[in-house]
């Protein structure tokens, strides 16, 4: 019998290179309602009750509104709250739950809770990471399962499809700036995205240096992500010299870009940014490490209506100016959501989901595993990071009233998660005595 060769091929892919529809907003709103209604209806089909995660942002609020209507008022919603006010969204979650009249429950997370969950996060994710945000979702999925729920709807994908992230606004501003790289005023538009930036001359120069990377090649495929990749790449300065030498020839950015179809390079700048975001952060982190793996760690299935192919193909046809109007994100989606979610949700500024890192790993309530695996001798034994540099980073973030930066906390979590990865999967496990006895008996 002749052998058949196995071939692998992609049967569907995102295509943001299509010609946008004419800007007929009323018709597009009607079509948006139809594709979203279908996407939600399909994902409510189940032999068990289906609930929803409610973050307090636009996307999950709209999904809950559509699901509550289709379920006839029986939707159950679940949220994460934080004891740390900087991360907490319970006020907004409560406003949505009250208007939609869902049966709502919240699990509160403290720094110590997050620290205790991180080993489980890395065990299920099977990868190092730079954020602690998956930890609350691991706790939430366990709590949801305890309530008898096995399926939940979540809002992932909306930001990527409808241009909701600051990354897309940055790309738009930086493309505008690149037309006149020497302009004194164009980079100042970035202060509309980050109003806390100082107006001092020194701060303006730092802004130009930080966001000005790649302005000479605005048509480059990676243009939209150069700032982010450069910022996260600062973690490499913590690598141990011997390990850094071993991986010196590796270029993660090049390996990512090598998987992108050639046609993408010819798309519009925001379309290129969308494709890269979907192929990197969305698929590798939001849907995998933070999504499915935290859900399935407690045997809960996640369903994502915004990632329905019909919704994605529709979004690709919507003119960019109806998704990102000036610097107002998700314009068409907001218009559709009027009357369906509280006005306070539509009016609030974009609030990225984050969870504490420094307090969870090196604060007063940090767990014993963190003290053990972040100790200099443990870091040196693993051999990936420079033990002295990590020791200084830990001391800096442990100091009272430490002015922690995102780069510092991401580096700390990268070190901690790598240490856990080695502990879980590389450290030799002791052989149970019963197995030893069985082998000896068999040999005898």
Protein backbone atom coordinates (compact mmCIF):
# COMPACT_ATOMS: atom_id res chain seq x y z
CA UNK A 1 0.00 0.00 0.00
CA UNK A 2 1.45 3.36 -1.04
CA UNK A 3 2.25 5.80 1.72
CA UNK A 4 0.56 9.17 1.64
CA UNK A 5 2.53 12.30 2.38
CA UNK A 6 1.26 14.50 5.19
CA UNK A 7 0.90 18.14 4.21
CA UNK A 8 0.11 21.07 6.46
CA UNK A 9 -1.51 24.24 5.21
CA UNK A 10 -3.34 27.19 6.69
CA UNK A 11 -7.00 27.06 5.69
CA UNK A 12 -7.89 30.59 6.85
CA UNK A 13 -5.98 33.70 7.84
CA UNK A 14 -6.68 37.28 8.79
CA UNK A 15 -6.89 39.54 5.75
CA UNK A 16 -6.78 43.26 6.45
CA UNK A 17 -5.65 43.98 2.90
CA UNK A 18 -9.20 44.03 1.53
CA UNK A 19 -10.71 47.19 0.06
CA UNK A 20 -12.73 48.97 2.77
CA UNK A 21 -16.47 49.39 2.32
CA UNK A 22 -17.91 52.79 1.49
CA UNK A 23 -18.32 54.79 4.69
CA UNK A 24 -22.05 54.14 5.10
CA UNK A 25 -22.18 54.20 8.90
CA UNK A 26 -25.90 53.31 9.30
CA UNK A 27 -25.54 50.22 7.10
CA UNK A 28 -22.29 49.19 8.82
CA UNK A 29 -23.94 49.54 12.23
CA UNK A 30 -26.76 47.26 11.11
CA UNK A 31 -24.30 44.71 9.74
CA UNK A 32 -22.20 44.89 12.90
CA UNK A 33 -25.28 44.09 14.96
CA UNK A 34 -26.07 41.09 12.77
CA UNK A 35 -22.58 39.54 12.86
CA UNK A 36 -22.20 40.08 16.61
CA UNK A 37 -25.67 38.70 17.34
CA UNK A 38 -24.84 35.57 15.34
CA UNK A 39 -21.42 35.18 16.96
CA UNK A 40 -22.88 35.37 20.47
CA UNK A 41 -25.82 33.11 19.63
CA UNK A 42 -23.51 30.39 18.30
CA UNK A 43 -21.38 30.51 21.43
CA UNK A 44 -24.34 30.25 23.77
CA UNK A 45 -25.17 26.83 22.35
CA UNK A 46 -24.27 24.27 25.00
CA UNK A 47 -25.62 21.40 27.03
CA UNK A 48 -24.52 23.23 30.18
CA UNK A 49 -25.10 26.79 31.47
CA UNK A 50 -22.96 29.49 29.80
CA UNK A 51 -21.77 32.48 31.85
CA UNK A 52 -19.58 35.46 30.96
CA UNK A 53 -16.53 37.26 32.28
CA UNK A 54 -17.22 40.94 32.92
CA UNK A 55 -14.14 43.15 33.11
CA UNK A 56 -15.87 46.52 33.20
CA UNK A 57 -14.59 47.55 29.77
CA UNK A 58 -16.59 48.09 26.61
CA UNK A 59 -16.02 44.70 24.99
CA UNK A 60 -17.12 42.39 27.78
CA UNK A 61 -19.96 44.77 28.71
CA UNK A 62 -21.35 44.65 25.18
CA UNK A 63 -21.06 40.86 24.99
CA UNK A 64 -22.88 40.55 28.30
CA UNK A 65 -25.63 42.84 27.03
CA UNK A 66 -26.13 40.75 23.88
CA UNK A 67 -25.97 37.47 25.79
CA UNK A 68 -28.40 38.66 28.47
CA UNK A 69 -30.89 39.61 25.76
CA UNK A 70 -30.57 36.24 24.04
CA UNK A 71 -30.80 34.29 27.31
CA UNK A 72 -33.90 36.15 28.41
CA UNK A 73 -32.35 37.64 31.53
CA UNK A 74 -30.63 34.61 33.08
CA UNK A 75 -26.96 35.46 32.41
CA UNK A 76 -24.46 34.98 35.23
CA UNK A 77 -21.38 37.22 35.20
CA UNK A 78 -18.05 36.87 36.97
CA UNK A 79 -15.30 39.42 37.58
CA UNK A 80 -11.92 39.95 39.18
CA UNK A 81 -11.52 42.75 41.72
CA UNK A 82 -8.29 43.95 43.28
CA UNK A 83 -7.61 45.15 46.80
CA UNK A 84 -5.09 47.52 45.18
CA UNK A 85 -7.14 50.47 43.89
CA UNK A 86 -4.74 51.08 41.01
CA UNK A 87 -5.89 47.87 39.31
CA UNK A 88 -9.50 47.66 40.48
CA UNK A 89 -12.51 48.04 38.15
CA UNK A 90 -15.32 46.89 40.41
CA UNK A 91 -17.20 50.20 40.19
CA UNK A 92 -17.55 49.81 36.43
CA UNK A 93 -18.33 46.11 36.65
CA UNK A 94 -21.12 46.80 39.14
CA UNK A 95 -22.60 49.52 36.90
CA UNK A 96 -22.88 47.07 34.00
CA UNK A 97 -24.24 44.22 36.12
CA UNK A 98 -26.85 46.53 37.65
CA UNK A 99 -28.08 47.87 34.30
CA UNK A 100 -28.14 44.43 32.67
CA UNK A 101 -29.52 42.77 35.82
CA UNK A 102 -27.12 39.86 35.67
CA UNK A 103 -26.43 37.54 38.58
CA UNK A 104 -23.00 38.94 39.36
CA UNK A 105 -20.13 37.63 41.48
CA UNK A 106 -16.63 39.04 42.11
CA UNK A 107 -13.49 37.40 43.44
CA UNK A 108 -11.06 39.82 45.11
CA UNK A 109 -7.33 39.44 44.64
CA UNK A 110 -4.61 40.64 47.02
CA UNK A 111 -0.88 40.74 46.38
CA UNK A 112 -0.30 37.59 48.39
CA UNK A 113 -3.02 35.73 46.47
CA UNK A 114 -1.36 36.56 43.17
CA UNK A 115 2.07 35.49 44.38
CA UNK A 116 0.70 32.17 45.58
CA UNK A 117 -0.96 31.51 42.22
CA UNK A 118 2.05 32.22 40.00
CA UNK A 119 3.60 28.71 40.24
CA UNK A 120 0.32 27.26 38.98
CA UNK A 121 0.20 29.85 36.22
CA UNK A 122 3.64 28.87 34.91
CA UNK A 123 2.88 25.17 35.27
CA UNK A 124 -0.22 25.48 33.07
CA UNK A 125 1.21 28.08 30.66
CA UNK A 126 4.48 26.17 30.18
CA UNK A 127 6.30 29.36 29.26
CA UNK A 128 8.08 32.31 30.79
CA UNK A 129 6.20 35.60 30.68
CA UNK A 130 6.46 39.23 31.75
CA UNK A 131 3.07 39.85 33.35
CA UNK A 132 1.20 38.51 36.36
CA UNK A 133 -2.21 39.17 34.76
CA UNK A 134 -2.99 35.47 34.11
CA UNK A 135 -2.90 34.68 37.85
CA UNK A 136 -6.29 36.22 38.73
CA UNK A 137 -7.84 34.37 35.79
CA UNK A 138 -6.57 31.06 37.12
CA UNK A 139 -8.28 31.82 40.42
CA UNK A 140 -11.42 33.08 38.65
CA UNK A 141 -11.79 29.96 36.50
CA UNK A 142 -11.50 27.78 39.59
CA UNK A 143 -14.13 29.83 41.37
CA UNK A 144 -16.41 29.74 38.31
CA UNK A 145 -16.07 25.94 38.13
CA UNK A 146 -16.96 25.72 41.83
CA UNK A 147 -20.21 27.53 40.97
CA UNK A 148 -21.07 24.81 38.47
CA UNK A 149 -20.16 26.80 35.34
CA UNK A 150 -18.15 25.05 32.61
CA UNK A 151 -18.37 27.58 29.73
CA UNK A 152 -17.77 31.34 29.70
CA UNK A 153 -17.83 34.08 27.07
CA UNK A 154 -14.96 36.57 27.08
CA UNK A 155 -14.16 39.71 25.10
CA UNK A 156 -10.73 38.94 23.64
CA UNK A 157 -10.19 40.03 20.06
CA UNK A 158 -12.21 43.24 19.99
CA UNK A 159 -9.21 45.52 20.54
CA UNK A 160 -7.30 43.83 17.73
CA UNK A 161 -10.23 43.96 15.29
CA UNK A 162 -11.59 47.42 16.09
CA UNK A 163 -8.30 49.25 16.80
CA UNK A 164 -8.70 49.60 20.55
CA UNK A 165 -5.09 49.53 21.77
CA UNK A 166 -2.80 52.49 22.36
CA UNK A 167 -0.36 50.69 20.07
CA UNK A 168 -2.59 51.54 17.10
CA UNK A 169 -2.85 55.18 18.15
CA UNK A 170 0.92 55.29 18.58
CA UNK A 171 1.33 53.88 15.09
CA UNK A 172 -0.98 56.52 13.65
CA UNK A 173 0.88 59.36 15.42
CA UNK A 174 4.31 57.96 14.59
CA UNK A 175 3.37 57.55 10.91
CA UNK A 176 2.28 61.22 10.90
CA UNK A 177 5.49 62.22 12.70
CA UNK A 178 7.63 60.23 10.23
CA UNK A 179 6.55 62.55 7.40
CA UNK A 180 8.43 65.34 9.19
CA UNK A 181 10.89 63.59 11.56
CA UNK A 182 12.47 66.90 12.65
CA UNK A 183 9.14 68.42 13.72
CA UNK A 184 9.06 69.79 17.27
CA UNK A 185 5.30 69.49 17.58
CA UNK A 186 4.20 66.23 15.95
CA UNK A 187 5.64 63.97 18.68
CA UNK A 188 3.76 66.04 21.26
CA UNK A 189 0.56 64.39 19.99
CA UNK A 190 1.66 61.36 22.01
CA UNK A 191 0.86 63.33 25.16
CA UNK A 192 -2.81 62.89 24.24
CA UNK A 193 -2.29 59.16 24.75
CA UNK A 194 -0.18 59.57 27.87
CA UNK A 195 -1.31 62.80 29.59
CA UNK A 196 0.91 62.13 32.60
CA UNK A 197 4.01 62.81 30.51
CA UNK A 198 5.80 65.92 31.72
CA UNK A 199 6.05 68.97 29.43
CA UNK A 200 9.63 69.75 30.48
CA UNK A 201 12.26 69.97 27.74
CA UNK A 202 14.04 66.93 29.16
CA UNK A 203 10.84 64.89 29.07
CA UNK A 204 10.11 65.96 25.50
CA UNK A 205 13.58 64.81 24.45
CA UNK A 206 13.06 61.48 26.19
CA UNK A 207 9.70 61.16 24.43
CA UNK A 208 11.38 61.76 21.08
CA UNK A 209 14.08 59.22 21.86
CA UNK A 210 11.66 56.56 23.12
CA UNK A 211 8.98 56.79 20.42
CA UNK A 212 11.20 58.01 17.58
CA UNK A 213 12.76 54.66 16.83
CA UNK A 214 12.31 53.56 13.23
CA UNK A 215 10.95 56.87 11.92
CA UNK A 216 13.32 56.64 8.98
CA UNK A 217 11.57 53.46 7.74
CA UNK A 218 7.81 54.00 8.26
CA UNK A 219 7.00 51.37 5.62
CA UNK A 220 8.86 48.62 7.50
CA UNK A 221 6.70 45.63 8.43
CA UNK A 222 7.68 45.88 12.11
CA UNK A 223 7.31 49.68 12.39
CA UNK A 224 4.25 49.55 14.65
CA UNK A 225 5.90 47.22 17.16
CA UNK A 226 9.44 48.58 17.33
CA UNK A 227 8.76 50.68 20.45
CA UNK A 228 7.12 47.81 22.34
CA UNK A 229 9.70 45.23 21.32
CA UNK A 230 12.49 47.62 22.19
CA UNK A 231 11.01 48.26 25.63
CA UNK A 232 10.48 44.60 26.47
CA UNK A 233 13.89 43.81 25.00
CA UNK A 234 15.48 45.75 27.84
CA UNK A 235 15.00 42.61 29.91
CA UNK A 236 17.93 41.12 28.01
CA UNK A 237 20.31 43.31 30.01
CA UNK A 238 19.62 41.05 33.00
CA UNK A 239 20.87 37.92 31.22
CA UNK A 240 23.91 36.16 32.61
CA UNK A 241 26.93 36.78 30.32
CA UNK A 242 27.42 33.08 29.55
CA UNK A 243 23.76 32.58 28.63
CA UNK A 244 23.66 35.82 26.61
CA UNK A 245 26.62 34.56 24.56
CA UNK A 246 24.81 31.31 23.79
CA UNK A 247 21.73 33.09 22.42
CA UNK A 248 23.54 36.04 20.81
CA UNK A 249 22.79 34.81 17.29
CA UNK A 250 19.06 34.45 17.95
CA UNK A 251 16.77 37.26 16.77
CA UNK A 252 13.21 36.80 18.12
CA UNK A 253 11.87 39.72 16.05
CA UNK A 254 13.27 38.28 12.83
CA UNK A 255 11.82 34.85 13.58
CA UNK A 256 8.36 36.39 14.11
CA UNK A 257 8.53 38.45 10.93
CA UNK A 258 9.66 35.42 8.94
CA UNK A 259 6.26 33.78 9.56
CA UNK A 260 4.31 36.74 8.14
CA UNK A 261 3.01 36.31 4.56
CA UNK A 262 4.69 38.59 2.01
CA UNK A 263 1.39 40.25 1.10
CA UNK A 264 1.08 41.78 4.57
CA UNK A 265 4.04 44.09 3.91
CA UNK A 266 1.95 45.86 1.23
CA UNK A 267 -1.01 46.59 3.53
CA UNK A 268 -1.80 49.93 5.15
CA UNK A 269 0.24 50.72 8.30
CA UNK A 270 -2.62 50.05 10.74
CA UNK A 271 -3.53 46.83 8.94
CA UNK A 272 0.07 45.62 9.29
CA UNK A 273 -0.05 46.53 12.98
CA UNK A 274 -3.29 44.58 13.44
CA UNK A 275 -1.88 41.47 11.81
CA UNK A 276 1.28 41.52 13.91
CA UNK A 277 -0.70 42.11 17.09
CA UNK A 278 -3.02 39.23 16.35
CA UNK A 279 -0.16 36.86 15.49
CA UNK A 280 1.91 37.76 18.55
CA UNK A 281 0.22 39.11 21.70
CA UNK A 282 -3.27 37.84 20.92
CA UNK A 283 -2.48 34.28 19.87
CA UNK A 284 0.55 33.60 22.04
CA UNK A 285 -0.43 35.38 25.22
CA UNK A 286 -4.04 36.58 25.50
CA UNK A 287 -5.62 33.44 24.04
CA UNK A 288 -3.06 30.91 25.22
CA UNK A 289 -1.16 31.82 28.38
CA UNK A 290 -3.75 34.21 29.84
CA UNK A 291 -6.78 32.63 28.20
CA UNK A 292 -7.27 28.95 27.43
CA UNK A 293 -4.54 27.65 29.72
CA UNK A 294 -5.90 29.49 32.75
CA UNK A 295 -9.43 28.39 31.88
CA UNK A 296 -8.60 24.77 31.15
CA UNK A 297 -6.41 24.62 34.24
CA UNK A 298 -9.78 24.34 35.99
CA UNK A 299 -11.65 22.55 33.17
CA UNK A 300 -13.56 25.64 32.01
CA UNK A 301 -14.07 26.33 28.29
CA UNK A 302 -13.67 29.88 26.98
CA UNK A 303 -15.54 31.15 23.94
CA UNK A 304 -14.63 34.35 22.07
CA UNK A 305 -17.40 35.95 19.96
CA UNK A 306 -15.20 38.80 18.70
CA UNK A 307 -12.94 36.18 17.11
CA UNK A 308 -15.76 34.70 15.05
CA UNK A 309 -14.53 34.69 11.44
CA UNK A 310 -17.61 36.64 10.37
CA UNK A 311 -16.87 39.38 12.90
CA UNK A 312 -13.21 39.56 11.91
CA UNK A 313 -13.95 39.67 8.19
CA UNK A 314 -16.51 42.40 8.78
CA UNK A 315 -14.05 44.44 10.86
CA UNK A 316 -11.46 44.22 8.09
CA UNK A 317 -13.92 45.87 5.69
CA UNK A 318 -14.80 48.75 8.01
CA UNK A 319 -12.87 51.91 7.03
CA UNK A 320 -10.13 52.65 9.54
CA UNK A 321 -11.56 56.11 10.22
CA UNK A 322 -14.73 54.42 11.53
CA UNK A 323 -12.73 52.21 13.87
CA UNK A 324 -10.08 54.74 14.95
CA UNK A 325 -11.61 58.21 14.53
CA UNK A 326 -8.73 60.60 15.11
CA UNK A 327 -7.41 59.09 18.33
CA UNK A 328 -10.81 57.83 19.52
CA UNK A 329 -10.63 54.03 19.52
CA UNK A 330 -13.41 51.61 18.50
CA UNK A 331 -15.62 54.42 17.19
CA UNK A 332 -18.15 52.23 15.33
CA UNK A 333 -18.33 49.73 18.19
CA UNK A 334 -19.02 52.53 20.66
CA UNK A 335 -21.82 53.86 18.46
CA UNK A 336 -23.36 50.40 18.31
CA UNK A 337 -23.05 50.04 22.10
CA UNK A 338 -25.02 53.20 22.94
CA UNK A 339 -28.08 52.24 24.93
CA UNK A 340 -26.77 48.71 25.39
CA UNK A 341 -24.17 49.48 28.06
CA UNK A 342 -24.00 52.27 30.68
CA UNK A 343 -22.88 55.67 29.40
CA UNK A 344 -20.07 55.62 31.96
CA UNK A 345 -18.53 52.63 30.16
CA UNK A 346 -18.61 54.41 26.81
CA UNK A 347 -17.10 57.58 28.27
CA UNK A 348 -14.32 56.06 30.34
CA UNK A 349 -10.76 56.09 29.09
CA UNK A 350 -9.18 52.87 27.88
CA UNK A 351 -8.01 50.94 30.96
CA UNK A 352 -5.56 48.12 30.20
CA UNK A 353 -5.98 45.05 32.38
CA UNK A 354 -3.00 44.53 34.66
CA UNK A 355 -2.26 42.84 37.98
CA UNK A 356 0.33 43.66 40.68
CA UNK A 357 3.83 42.26 40.22
CA UNK A 358 6.30 43.81 42.67
CA UNK A 359 3.98 43.49 45.66
CA UNK A 360 3.12 39.92 44.71
CA UNK A 361 6.73 38.76 44.38
CA UNK A 362 8.87 40.87 46.70
CA UNK A 363 6.35 42.70 48.91
CA UNK A 364 5.51 41.96 52.56
CA UNK A 365 3.07 39.22 51.54
CA UNK A 366 5.35 37.58 48.97
CA UNK A 367 5.24 33.76 49.16
CA UNK A 368 8.11 31.55 50.26
CA UNK A 369 8.75 30.21 46.74
CA UNK A 370 9.53 33.74 45.49
CA UNK A 371 12.07 34.36 48.26
CA UNK A 372 13.67 30.99 47.51
CA UNK A 373 13.80 31.14 43.70
CA UNK A 374 14.75 34.84 43.48
CA UNK A 375 17.63 34.40 45.92
CA UNK A 376 21.06 34.99 44.28
CA UNK A 377 22.20 31.40 44.67
CA UNK A 378 19.01 30.05 43.04
CA UNK A 379 19.25 32.50 40.13
CA UNK A 380 22.91 31.63 39.62
CA UNK A 381 22.14 27.91 39.70
CA UNK A 382 19.63 28.22 36.85
CA UNK A 383 22.16 30.20 34.83
CA UNK A 384 19.82 32.31 32.68
CA UNK A 385 19.98 35.64 34.52
CA UNK A 386 22.79 37.56 36.22
CA UNK A 387 22.36 36.91 39.94
CA UNK A 388 23.86 40.25 41.05
CA UNK A 389 21.69 42.29 38.70
CA UNK A 390 18.59 40.44 39.82
CA UNK A 391 19.55 40.98 43.45
CA UNK A 392 19.79 44.73 42.86
CA UNK A 393 16.44 44.74 41.03
CA UNK A 394 14.74 42.89 43.88
CA UNK A 395 16.24 45.30 46.44
CA UNK A 396 15.06 48.28 44.40
CA UNK A 397 11.48 47.02 44.11
CA UNK A 398 11.37 45.84 47.71
CA UNK A 399 12.35 49.29 49.06
CA UNK A 400 9.52 51.30 50.69
CA UNK A 401 7.85 53.76 48.30
CA UNK A 402 9.85 52.38 45.38
CA UNK A 403 9.15 54.20 42.10
CA UNK A 404 8.64 51.01 40.12
CA UNK A 405 8.68 51.25 36.34
CA UNK A 406 6.92 48.91 33.95
CA UNK A 407 10.29 47.81 32.57
CA UNK A 408 11.48 46.87 36.07
CA UNK A 409 8.37 44.91 37.02
CA UNK A 410 8.30 43.09 33.67
CA UNK A 411 11.93 42.13 34.19
CA UNK A 412 11.17 40.87 37.69
CA UNK A 413 8.33 38.70 36.45
CA UNK A 414 10.43 37.42 33.55
CA UNK A 415 13.08 36.27 36.04
CA UNK A 416 10.56 34.73 38.44
CA UNK A 417 8.65 32.91 35.71
CA UNK A 418 11.85 31.58 34.16
CA UNK A 419 12.97 30.32 37.56
CA UNK A 420 9.62 28.58 38.01
CA UNK A 421 9.80 27.12 34.51
CA UNK A 422 13.17 25.58 35.33
CA UNK A 423 11.89 24.39 38.71
CA UNK A 424 8.78 22.75 37.22
CA UNK A 425 10.26 21.14 34.11
CA UNK A 426 14.05 20.97 34.34
CA UNK A 427 14.76 20.20 37.98
CA UNK A 428 15.14 16.41 38.49
CA UNK A 429 12.16 15.03 40.38
CA UNK A 430 12.79 12.51 43.16
CA UNK A 431 11.78 8.95 42.27
CA UNK A 432 9.05 7.64 44.62
CA UNK A 433 10.40 4.91 46.94
CA UNK A 434 7.67 2.52 45.77
CA UNK A 435 9.02 2.74 42.21
CA UNK A 436 12.58 2.12 43.45
CA UNK A 437 11.43 -0.97 45.36
CA UNK A 438 9.55 -2.27 42.32
CA UNK A 439 12.62 -1.93 40.08
CA UNK A 440 14.81 -3.71 42.65
CA UNK A 441 12.33 -6.57 42.98
CA UNK A 442 12.13 -6.92 39.20
CA UNK A 443 15.94 -7.01 38.95
CA UNK A 444 16.12 -9.64 41.66
